[in-house]
Amino acid sequence: MVSAHCYRWPQHDLRAPQLWRAHLLVGLTSTQSLNLVVAQLPEQPAWRRFARLRKL
């Protein structure tokens, strides 16, 4: 049996509000999928500021 104090929850790269804003970008931009938004994030600093993401 695993004791509660030694189990660590998985660490996520994005917090919930950041993930929500990234999903909003799909609807607010001309992209048609989240994968395209993620691919374009490095060249779109305004999108990164909107989603409050760190530099890629």
C-alpha atoms as a PDB file:
ATOM      1  CA  MET A   1       0.000   0.000   0.000  1.00  0.00           C
ATOM      2  CA  VAL A   2       1.284   3.462  -0.891  1.00  0.00           C
ATOM      3  CA  SER A   3       1.166   6.034   1.847  1.00  0.00           C
ATOM      4  CA  ALA A   4      -0.385   9.385   0.998  1.00  0.00           C
ATOM      5  CA  HIS A   5       2.644  11.469   1.931  1.00  0.00           C
ATOM      6  CA  CYS A   6       5.049   9.827  -0.537  1.00  0.00           C
ATOM      7  CA  TYR A   7       2.819   9.902  -3.641  1.00  0.00           C
ATOM      8  CA  ARG A   8       3.382  12.892  -5.914  1.00  0.00           C
ATOM      9  CA  TRP A   9       0.749  14.154  -8.338  1.00  0.00           C
ATOM     10  CA  PRO A  10       1.848  14.549 -11.958  1.00  0.00           C
ATOM     11  CA  GLN A  11       3.207  17.973 -12.828  1.00  0.00           C
ATOM     12  CA  HIS A  12       1.550  19.722 -15.755  1.00  0.00           C
ATOM     13  CA  ASP A  13       3.174  22.196 -18.106  1.00  0.00           C
ATOM     14  CA  LEU A  14       0.130  24.476 -18.244  1.00  0.00           C
ATOM     15  CA  ARG A  15      -2.200  25.687 -15.542  1.00  0.00           C
ATOM     16  CA  ALA A  16      -5.946  25.465 -16.171  1.00  0.00           C
ATOM     17  CA  PRO A  17      -6.396  29.167 -17.104  1.00  0.00           C
ATOM     18  CA  GLN A  18      -3.527  28.970 -19.593  1.00  0.00           C
ATOM     19  CA  LEU A  19      -4.994  25.870 -21.203  1.00  0.00           C
ATOM     20  CA  TRP A  20      -8.418  27.546 -21.391  1.00  0.00           C
ATOM     21  CA  ARG A  21      -6.926  30.619 -23.111  1.00  0.00           C
ATOM     22  CA  ALA A  22      -5.035  28.394 -25.564  1.00  0.00           C
ATOM     23  CA  HIS A  23      -8.338  26.708 -26.476  1.00  0.00           C
ATOM     24  CA  LEU A  24      -9.979  30.131 -26.868  1.00  0.00           C
ATOM     25  CA  LEU A  25      -7.330  31.027 -29.452  1.00  0.00           C
ATOM     26  CA  VAL A  26      -8.741  28.356 -31.775  1.00  0.00           C
ATOM     27  CA  GLY A  27     -12.078  30.166 -31.886  1.00  0.00           C
ATOM     28  CA  LEU A  28     -10.658  33.684 -31.893  1.00  0.00           C
ATOM     29  CA  THR A  29      -8.166  33.165 -34.709  1.00  0.00           C
ATOM     30  CA  SER A  30      -8.402  31.814 -38.226  1.00  0.00           C
ATOM     31  CA  THR A  31      -6.773  28.510 -37.229  1.00  0.00           C
ATOM     32  CA  GLN A  32      -8.923  25.404 -37.280  1.00  0.00           C
ATOM     33  CA  SER A  33      -7.310  23.210 -34.647  1.00  0.00           C
ATOM     34  CA  LEU A  34      -5.408  23.380 -31.394  1.00  0.00           C
ATOM     35  CA  ASN A  35      -2.452  21.653 -33.054  1.00  0.00           C
ATOM     36  CA  LEU A  36      -2.171  24.507 -35.577  1.00  0.00           C
ATOM     37  CA  VAL A  37      -2.319  27.068 -32.771  1.00  0.00           C
ATOM     38  CA  VAL A  38       0.479  25.260 -30.931  1.00  0.00           C
ATOM     39  CA  ALA A  39       2.557  25.117 -34.125  1.00  0.00           C
ATOM     40  CA  GLN A  40       2.113  28.871 -34.692  1.00  0.00           C
ATOM     41  CA  LEU A  41       2.721  29.997 -31.089  1.00  0.00           C
ATOM     42  CA  PRO A  42       6.497  30.480 -31.488  1.00  0.00           C
ATOM     43  CA  GLU A  43       5.936  33.095 -34.223  1.00  0.00           C
ATOM     44  CA  GLN A  44       2.920  34.804 -32.590  1.00  0.00           C
ATOM     45  CA  PRO A  45       4.006  36.804 -29.510  1.00  0.00           C
ATOM     46  CA  ALA A  46       0.559  38.414 -29.142  1.00  0.00           C
ATOM     47  CA  TRP A  47      -1.047  34.982 -28.823  1.00  0.00           C
ATOM     48  CA  ARG A  48       1.489  33.975 -26.166  1.00  0.00           C
ATOM     49  CA  ARG A  49       0.753  37.174 -24.224  1.00  0.00           C
ATOM     50  CA  PHE A  50      -2.999  36.529 -24.462  1.00  0.00           C
ATOM     51  CA  ALA A  51      -2.625  32.965 -23.170  1.00  0.00           C
ATOM     52  CA  ARG A  52       0.016  34.137 -20.651  1.00  0.00           C
ATOM     53  CA  LEU A  53       2.472  31.501 -21.803  1.00  0.00           C
ATOM     54  CA  ARG A  54       6.197  31.744 -21.226  1.00  0.00           C
ATOM     55  CA  LYS A  55       8.552  32.106 -24.152  1.00  0.00           C
ATOM     56  CA  LEU A  56       8.844  28.986 -26.287  1.00  0.00           C
END
